Amino acid sequence: MFQPSQYDVRRFFCDVLAKQRAGQVLSPIETLAAGWIDQHPEYHADLSDVDAALAQVYDVQEGRTNPFLHLSMHLTISEQVSIDQPHGIRQAVELLAMRRHSLHEAHHEVMDCLGEMIWASQRSGRPPDGHAYLDAVRRRATR
C-alpha cells in the first residue's frame, strides 16, 4: 500500500500546478488534482513555491485551512465515489450535489463527515467507521 509522507503530498500538488501552468501532459490522477486546484485559486500561492510549501506549518489555531489536506480530501472523496467505497457513497454524494447544485459544495460537506469519522476513530482508538460516515453523508443529502 502506498503511504505518501506529508512532503510527498505537498510536492505532488505543487508539481501538478507547475505542470499545468507549463502545459505539460498530466497523468489521470494529476488531471483530477488539477481540477480541484482550479476550483481553489486561493491555494495557488501556497502551491507555487515547493520549498515554502514543505516548510509551512498549518496550525488550526491560526484559522487557516491547510490547502494540501483540503485538496487531498477532495481526491479521497473523488476516489471513494469512483469506486463506490464505502458502498453507497456514490449515490449519497450525487444526491447531495444535486441538492446543493454543486459537486464542489457537496464535497465540502462530505469533508466534514470524513473529518468527523477520522476524529472519532483517533479519539476512540478504533478503526474508522465507514457506516457512520456514510450515514452522516446520507443525512446531509436528505435534508
N, C-alpha and C. Protein backbone atom coordinates (compact mmCIF):
# COMPACT_ATOMS: atom_id res chain seq x y z
N MET A 1 0.85 -1.17 0.00
CA MET A 1 0.00 0.00 0.00
C MET A 1 0.90 1.24 0.00
N PHE A 2 0.53 2.20 -0.79
CA PHE A 2 1.29 3.44 -0.90
C PHE A 2 0.86 4.39 0.21
N GLN A 3 1.82 4.83 1.00
CA GLN A 3 1.53 5.78 2.08
C GLN A 3 2.46 6.97 1.93
N PRO A 4 2.03 7.98 1.18
CA PRO A 4 2.89 9.14 0.97
C PRO A 4 3.10 9.93 2.25
N SER A 5 4.26 10.52 2.38
CA SER A 5 4.53 11.39 3.51
C SER A 5 3.87 12.75 3.26
N GLN A 6 3.87 13.57 4.29
CA GLN A 6 3.35 14.93 4.15
C GLN A 6 4.10 15.66 3.03
N TYR A 7 5.39 15.44 2.96
CA TYR A 7 6.21 16.11 1.94
C TYR A 7 5.89 15.59 0.54
N ASP A 8 5.63 14.28 0.43
CA ASP A 8 5.25 13.71 -0.87
C ASP A 8 3.96 14.34 -1.37
N VAL A 9 3.00 14.49 -0.47
CA VAL A 9 1.70 15.06 -0.84
C VAL A 9 1.87 16.52 -1.27
N ARG A 10 2.64 17.25 -0.53
CA ARG A 10 2.84 18.66 -0.87
C ARG A 10 3.57 18.80 -2.21
N ARG A 11 4.59 17.98 -2.41
CA ARG A 11 5.31 18.02 -3.70
C ARG A 11 4.36 17.66 -4.85
N PHE A 12 3.53 16.66 -4.64
CA PHE A 12 2.58 16.24 -5.67
C PHE A 12 1.71 17.41 -6.13
N PHE A 13 1.07 18.09 -5.19
CA PHE A 13 0.17 19.18 -5.57
C PHE A 13 0.94 20.36 -6.18
N CYS A 14 2.11 20.66 -5.64
CA CYS A 14 2.93 21.73 -6.23
C CYS A 14 3.35 21.36 -7.65
N ASP A 15 3.74 20.10 -7.85
CA ASP A 15 4.14 19.65 -9.19
C ASP A 15 2.98 19.69 -10.17
N VAL A 16 1.80 19.33 -9.71
CA VAL A 16 0.63 19.37 -10.60
C VAL A 16 0.38 20.79 -11.08
N LEU A 17 0.40 21.74 -10.17
CA LEU A 17 0.17 23.13 -10.58
C LEU A 17 1.26 23.59 -11.55
N ALA A 18 2.51 23.26 -11.26
CA ALA A 18 3.61 23.66 -12.14
C ALA A 18 3.47 23.02 -13.52
N LYS A 19 3.15 21.74 -13.56
CA LYS A 19 2.97 21.06 -14.85
C LYS A 19 1.79 21.65 -15.62
N GLN A 20 0.71 21.93 -14.91
CA GLN A 20 -0.46 22.50 -15.56
C GLN A 20 -0.14 23.86 -16.16
N ARG A 21 0.55 24.69 -15.41
CA ARG A 21 0.93 26.02 -15.89
C ARG A 21 1.88 25.95 -17.08
N ALA A 22 2.72 24.91 -17.10
CA ALA A 22 3.69 24.75 -18.19
C ALA A 22 3.07 24.06 -19.40
N GLY A 23 1.82 23.64 -19.27
CA GLY A 23 1.14 22.97 -20.38
C GLY A 23 1.63 21.55 -20.61
N GLN A 24 2.20 20.93 -19.59
CA GLN A 24 2.68 19.57 -19.70
C GLN A 24 1.54 18.57 -19.57
N VAL A 25 1.77 17.40 -20.08
CA VAL A 25 0.78 16.32 -20.01
C VAL A 25 0.68 15.85 -18.56
N LEU A 26 -0.55 15.69 -18.10
CA LEU A 26 -0.81 15.24 -16.74
C LEU A 26 -1.30 13.80 -16.75
N SER A 27 -0.93 13.05 -15.74
CA SER A 27 -1.46 11.69 -15.56
C SER A 27 -2.92 11.82 -15.15
N PRO A 28 -3.68 10.71 -15.16
CA PRO A 28 -5.09 10.80 -14.75
C PRO A 28 -5.28 11.36 -13.33
N ILE A 29 -4.47 10.92 -12.37
CA ILE A 29 -4.64 11.43 -11.01
C ILE A 29 -4.23 12.90 -10.93
N GLU A 30 -3.22 13.29 -11.72
CA GLU A 30 -2.84 14.69 -11.76
C GLU A 30 -3.94 15.54 -12.40
N THR A 31 -4.61 15.01 -13.40
CA THR A 31 -5.70 15.72 -14.04
C THR A 31 -6.84 15.96 -13.04
N LEU A 32 -7.14 14.94 -12.26
CA LEU A 32 -8.17 15.08 -11.23
C LEU A 32 -7.75 16.12 -10.21
N ALA A 33 -6.50 16.06 -9.77
CA ALA A 33 -6.00 17.03 -8.80
C ALA A 33 -6.03 18.44 -9.38
N ALA A 34 -5.65 18.57 -10.65
CA ALA A 34 -5.64 19.89 -11.30
C ALA A 34 -7.04 20.50 -11.32
N GLY A 35 -8.04 19.68 -11.51
CA GLY A 35 -9.42 20.18 -11.49
C GLY A 35 -9.79 20.77 -10.14
N TRP A 36 -9.38 20.10 -9.06
CA TRP A 36 -9.67 20.62 -7.73
C TRP A 36 -8.81 21.84 -7.42
N ILE A 37 -7.57 21.83 -7.90
CA ILE A 37 -6.71 23.00 -7.72
C ILE A 37 -7.33 24.21 -8.42
N ASP A 38 -7.86 24.00 -9.63
CA ASP A 38 -8.51 25.09 -10.37
C ASP A 38 -9.67 25.68 -9.57
N GLN A 39 -10.36 24.84 -8.82
CA GLN A 39 -11.52 25.32 -8.06
C GLN A 39 -11.11 26.04 -6.78
N HIS A 40 -9.80 26.03 -6.50
CA HIS A 40 -9.30 26.69 -5.30
C HIS A 40 -8.15 27.63 -5.63
N PRO A 41 -8.43 28.71 -6.34
CA PRO A 41 -7.36 29.65 -6.69
C PRO A 41 -6.71 30.29 -5.46
N GLU A 42 -7.41 30.28 -4.34
CA GLU A 42 -6.85 30.84 -3.11
C GLU A 42 -5.64 30.03 -2.62
N TYR A 43 -5.46 28.83 -3.16
CA TYR A 43 -4.32 27.99 -2.76
C TYR A 43 -3.15 28.08 -3.73
N HIS A 44 -3.32 28.75 -4.85
CA HIS A 44 -2.27 28.76 -5.87
C HIS A 44 -0.94 29.29 -5.35
N ALA A 45 -0.97 30.32 -4.53
CA ALA A 45 0.29 30.86 -3.98
C ALA A 45 0.99 29.81 -3.12
N ASP A 46 0.22 29.06 -2.32
CA ASP A 46 0.80 28.01 -1.48
C ASP A 46 1.44 26.91 -2.32
N LEU A 47 0.86 26.63 -3.48
CA LEU A 47 1.34 25.55 -4.33
C LEU A 47 2.43 26.00 -5.30
N SER A 48 2.68 27.28 -5.38
CA SER A 48 3.63 27.81 -6.35
C SER A 48 5.08 27.75 -5.88
N ASP A 49 5.30 27.57 -4.60
CA ASP A 49 6.66 27.55 -4.06
C ASP A 49 6.85 26.26 -3.26
N VAL A 50 7.52 25.29 -3.87
CA VAL A 50 7.68 23.97 -3.24
C VAL A 50 8.42 24.08 -1.91
N ASP A 51 9.51 24.82 -1.88
CA ASP A 51 10.29 24.93 -0.64
C ASP A 51 9.46 25.53 0.50
N ALA A 52 8.73 26.57 0.20
CA ALA A 52 7.87 27.18 1.22
C ALA A 52 6.76 26.22 1.64
N ALA A 53 6.22 25.48 0.68
CA ALA A 53 5.16 24.51 0.98
C ALA A 53 5.66 23.43 1.93
N LEU A 54 6.88 22.97 1.71
CA LEU A 54 7.45 21.91 2.56
C LEU A 54 7.72 22.42 3.97
N ALA A 55 8.03 23.68 4.11
CA ALA A 55 8.36 24.25 5.42
C ALA A 55 7.15 24.76 6.19
N GLN A 56 6.06 25.05 5.50
CA GLN A 56 4.89 25.67 6.12
C GLN A 56 4.24 24.77 7.16
N VAL A 57 3.86 25.38 8.27
CA VAL A 57 3.09 24.69 9.31
C VAL A 57 1.71 25.32 9.31
N TYR A 58 0.68 24.49 9.23
CA TYR A 58 -0.70 24.97 9.24
C TYR A 58 -1.29 24.62 10.59
N ASP A 59 -1.43 25.63 11.43
CA ASP A 59 -1.93 25.45 12.78
C ASP A 59 -3.42 25.79 12.81
N VAL A 60 -4.21 24.90 13.33
CA VAL A 60 -5.65 25.10 13.39
C VAL A 60 -5.99 26.39 14.14
N GLN A 61 -5.22 26.71 15.16
CA GLN A 61 -5.50 27.90 15.97
C GLN A 61 -5.33 29.18 15.15
N GLU A 62 -4.57 29.13 14.06
CA GLU A 62 -4.39 30.30 13.20
C GLU A 62 -5.62 30.55 12.34
N GLY A 63 -6.51 29.57 12.27
CA GLY A 63 -7.73 29.72 11.49
C GLY A 63 -7.52 29.61 10.00
N ARG A 64 -6.39 29.07 9.59
CA ARG A 64 -6.08 28.95 8.17
C ARG A 64 -6.18 27.49 7.75
N THR A 65 -6.87 27.26 6.65
CA THR A 65 -7.02 25.91 6.13
C THR A 65 -5.70 25.42 5.54
N ASN A 66 -5.40 24.16 5.77
CA ASN A 66 -4.24 23.53 5.15
C ASN A 66 -4.66 23.15 3.73
N PRO A 67 -4.13 23.83 2.71
CA PRO A 67 -4.56 23.56 1.34
C PRO A 67 -4.25 22.14 0.89
N PHE A 68 -3.18 21.56 1.40
CA PHE A 68 -2.79 20.22 0.98
C PHE A 68 -3.73 19.17 1.57
N LEU A 69 -4.14 19.37 2.80
CA LEU A 69 -5.14 18.49 3.41
C LEU A 69 -6.47 18.64 2.69
N HIS A 70 -6.85 19.87 2.43
CA HIS A 70 -8.13 20.13 1.77
C HIS A 70 -8.17 19.47 0.39
N LEU A 71 -7.14 19.67 -0.40
CA LEU A 71 -7.10 19.08 -1.75
C LEU A 71 -7.01 17.56 -1.67
N SER A 72 -6.30 17.05 -0.69
CA SER A 72 -6.21 15.59 -0.51
C SER A 72 -7.58 15.00 -0.19
N MET A 73 -8.35 15.73 0.60
CA MET A 73 -9.70 15.24 0.92
C MET A 73 -10.58 15.25 -0.32
N HIS A 74 -10.45 16.26 -1.18
CA HIS A 74 -11.18 16.25 -2.45
C HIS A 74 -10.81 14.99 -3.25
N LEU A 75 -9.52 14.68 -3.33
CA LEU A 75 -9.09 13.49 -4.07
C LEU A 75 -9.62 12.21 -3.43
N THR A 76 -9.58 12.16 -2.11
CA THR A 76 -10.08 10.98 -1.39
C THR A 76 -11.57 10.75 -1.70
N ILE A 77 -12.34 11.81 -1.60
CA ILE A 77 -13.78 11.69 -1.86
C ILE A 77 -14.03 11.32 -3.32
N SER A 78 -13.28 11.92 -4.23
CA SER A 78 -13.43 11.57 -5.65
C SER A 78 -13.14 10.08 -5.88
N GLU A 79 -12.11 9.58 -5.23
CA GLU A 79 -11.76 8.16 -5.36
C GLU A 79 -12.85 7.28 -4.74
N GLN A 80 -13.34 7.66 -3.57
CA GLN A 80 -14.41 6.89 -2.93
C GLN A 80 -15.63 6.81 -3.85
N VAL A 81 -15.99 7.93 -4.45
CA VAL A 81 -17.15 7.97 -5.34
C VAL A 81 -16.88 7.12 -6.58
N SER A 82 -15.67 7.18 -7.13
CA SER A 82 -15.38 6.44 -8.36
C SER A 82 -15.46 4.93 -8.17
N ILE A 83 -15.12 4.46 -6.96
CA ILE A 83 -15.18 3.01 -6.72
C ILE A 83 -16.35 2.62 -5.81
N ASP A 84 -17.18 3.62 -5.45
CA ASP A 84 -18.33 3.43 -4.58
C ASP A 84 -17.96 2.68 -3.30
N GLN A 85 -16.97 3.23 -2.62
CA GLN A 85 -16.49 2.62 -1.37
C GLN A 85 -16.37 3.68 -0.31
N PRO A 86 -17.07 3.64 0.79
CA PRO A 86 -17.96 2.55 1.16
C PRO A 86 -19.18 2.49 0.23
N HIS A 87 -19.69 1.30 0.10
CA HIS A 87 -20.81 1.09 -0.82
C HIS A 87 -21.96 2.03 -0.47
N GLY A 88 -22.40 2.80 -1.47
CA GLY A 88 -23.48 3.76 -1.28
C GLY A 88 -22.99 5.20 -1.27
N ILE A 89 -21.68 5.40 -1.16
CA ILE A 89 -21.17 6.78 -1.10
C ILE A 89 -21.40 7.51 -2.41
N ARG A 90 -21.29 6.81 -3.52
CA ARG A 90 -21.52 7.47 -4.82
C ARG A 90 -22.91 8.07 -4.88
N GLN A 91 -23.91 7.28 -4.55
CA GLN A 91 -25.29 7.76 -4.59
C GLN A 91 -25.51 8.91 -3.61
N ALA A 92 -24.96 8.78 -2.42
CA ALA A 92 -25.15 9.82 -1.40
C ALA A 92 -24.49 11.14 -1.84
N VAL A 93 -23.29 11.08 -2.41
CA VAL A 93 -22.61 12.30 -2.84
C VAL A 93 -23.33 12.90 -4.04
N GLU A 94 -23.78 12.06 -4.96
CA GLU A 94 -24.51 12.57 -6.12
C GLU A 94 -25.80 13.26 -5.70
N LEU A 95 -26.52 12.68 -4.75
CA LEU A 95 -27.76 13.29 -4.25
C LEU A 95 -27.45 14.62 -3.54
N LEU A 96 -26.40 14.61 -2.74
CA LEU A 96 -26.02 15.84 -2.04
C LEU A 96 -25.63 16.93 -3.05
N ALA A 97 -24.91 16.55 -4.09
CA ALA A 97 -24.51 17.51 -5.13
C ALA A 97 -25.74 18.08 -5.84
N MET A 98 -26.72 17.23 -6.11
CA MET A 98 -27.95 17.72 -6.75
C MET A 98 -28.68 18.68 -5.82
N ARG A 99 -28.77 18.35 -4.56
CA ARG A 99 -29.48 19.20 -3.60
C ARG A 99 -28.78 20.54 -3.39
N ARG A 100 -27.46 20.54 -3.45
CA ARG A 100 -26.69 21.77 -3.25
C ARG A 100 -26.38 22.48 -4.57
N HIS A 101 -26.75 21.85 -5.67
CA HIS A 101 -26.49 22.39 -7.01
C HIS A 101 -25.01 22.61 -7.26
N SER A 102 -24.19 21.79 -6.62
CA SER A 102 -22.74 21.96 -6.76
C SER A 102 -22.01 20.73 -6.20
N LEU A 103 -21.24 20.08 -7.05
CA LEU A 103 -20.41 18.97 -6.59
C LEU A 103 -19.36 19.49 -5.61
N HIS A 104 -18.84 20.68 -5.89
CA HIS A 104 -17.82 21.25 -5.03
C HIS A 104 -18.37 21.48 -3.62
N GLU A 105 -19.53 22.08 -3.51
CA GLU A 105 -20.13 22.31 -2.19
C GLU A 105 -20.46 20.99 -1.51
N ALA A 106 -20.92 20.02 -2.28
CA ALA A 106 -21.19 18.70 -1.71
C ALA A 106 -19.92 18.10 -1.13
N HIS A 107 -18.83 18.21 -1.86
CA HIS A 107 -17.55 17.70 -1.35
C HIS A 107 -17.19 18.34 -0.02
N HIS A 108 -17.40 19.64 0.10
CA HIS A 108 -17.06 20.32 1.34
C HIS A 108 -17.90 19.79 2.50
N GLU A 109 -19.14 19.46 2.24
CA GLU A 109 -19.96 18.88 3.30
C GLU A 109 -19.51 17.46 3.63
N VAL A 110 -19.15 16.70 2.60
CA VAL A 110 -18.66 15.34 2.82
C VAL A 110 -17.36 15.38 3.61
N MET A 111 -16.53 16.39 3.35
CA MET A 111 -15.28 16.55 4.12
C MET A 111 -15.56 16.67 5.61
N ASP A 112 -16.61 17.38 5.96
CA ASP A 112 -16.97 17.49 7.38
C ASP A 112 -17.26 16.11 7.96
N CYS A 113 -17.99 15.30 7.21
CA CYS A 113 -18.33 13.95 7.66
C CYS A 113 -17.08 13.07 7.74
N LEU A 114 -16.23 13.18 6.74
CA LEU A 114 -14.99 12.40 6.71
C LEU A 114 -14.09 12.80 7.87
N GLY A 115 -13.97 14.10 8.10
CA GLY A 115 -13.16 14.58 9.22
C GLY A 115 -13.69 14.10 10.56
N GLU A 116 -14.99 14.12 10.70
CA GLU A 116 -15.62 13.64 11.94
C GLU A 116 -15.33 12.17 12.15
N MET A 117 -15.41 11.37 11.09
CA MET A 117 -15.13 9.93 11.21
C MET A 117 -13.68 9.70 11.63
N ILE A 118 -12.76 10.43 11.03
CA ILE A 118 -11.34 10.28 11.37
C ILE A 118 -11.09 10.71 12.81
N TRP A 119 -11.68 11.85 13.19
CA TRP A 119 -11.52 12.33 14.57
C TRP A 119 -12.05 11.30 15.57
N ALA A 120 -13.25 10.75 15.30
CA ALA A 120 -13.85 9.76 16.20
C ALA A 120 -12.98 8.51 16.29
N SER A 121 -12.41 8.10 15.18
CA SER A 121 -11.53 6.93 15.16
C SER A 121 -10.29 7.18 16.00
N GLN A 122 -9.68 8.33 15.83
CA GLN A 122 -8.47 8.66 16.60
C GLN A 122 -8.78 8.77 18.08
N ARG A 123 -9.91 9.36 18.38
CA ARG A 123 -10.29 9.55 19.78
C ARG A 123 -10.58 8.23 20.47
N SER A 124 -11.24 7.32 19.76
CA SER A 124 -11.63 6.05 20.36
C SER A 124 -10.56 4.97 20.25
N GLY A 125 -9.60 5.17 19.36
CA GLY A 125 -8.59 4.14 19.13
C GLY A 125 -9.10 2.98 18.30
N ARG A 126 -10.26 3.15 17.69
CA ARG A 126 -10.87 2.11 16.85
C ARG A 126 -10.69 2.45 15.38
N PRO A 127 -10.88 1.46 14.52
CA PRO A 127 -10.80 1.74 13.08
C PRO A 127 -11.89 2.71 12.65
N PRO A 128 -11.67 3.43 11.57
CA PRO A 128 -12.71 4.34 11.06
C PRO A 128 -14.01 3.59 10.79
N ASP A 129 -15.12 4.23 11.11
CA ASP A 129 -16.44 3.62 10.95
C ASP A 129 -17.07 4.10 9.65
N GLY A 130 -16.88 3.31 8.60
CA GLY A 130 -17.41 3.66 7.28
C GLY A 130 -18.91 3.77 7.25
N HIS A 131 -19.59 2.97 8.07
CA HIS A 131 -21.06 3.03 8.10
C HIS A 131 -21.53 4.36 8.70
N ALA A 132 -20.89 4.79 9.78
CA ALA A 132 -21.27 6.06 10.40
C ALA A 132 -20.99 7.22 9.44
N TYR A 133 -19.88 7.13 8.74
CA TYR A 133 -19.51 8.14 7.74
C TYR A 133 -20.57 8.22 6.65
N LEU A 134 -20.93 7.08 6.09
CA LEU A 134 -21.93 7.03 5.03
C LEU A 134 -23.28 7.54 5.55
N ASP A 135 -23.65 7.15 6.75
CA ASP A 135 -24.91 7.62 7.33
C ASP A 135 -24.91 9.15 7.48
N ALA A 136 -23.77 9.71 7.88
CA ALA A 136 -23.68 11.17 8.03
C ALA A 136 -23.84 11.87 6.68
N VAL A 137 -23.22 11.32 5.65
CA VAL A 137 -23.36 11.91 4.31
C VAL A 137 -24.81 11.78 3.84
N ARG A 138 -25.40 10.62 4.06
CA ARG A 138 -26.80 10.42 3.65
C ARG A 138 -27.73 11.39 4.36
N ARG A 139 -27.49 11.63 5.65
CA ARG A 139 -28.35 12.57 6.39
C ARG A 139 -28.27 13.96 5.75
N ARG A 140 -27.09 14.38 5.40
CA ARG A 140 -26.93 15.70 4.76
C ARG A 140 -27.62 15.72 3.38
N ALA A 141 -27.56 14.59 2.69
CA ALA A 141 -28.12 14.52 1.34
C ALA A 141 -29.65 14.51 1.33
N THR A 142 -30.24 14.15 2.47
CA THR A 142 -31.70 14.02 2.51
C THR A 142 -32.38 15.10 3.33
N ARG A 143 -31.60 16.09 3.75
CA ARG A 143 -32.26 17.20 4.49
C ARG A 143 -32.20 18.46 3.72
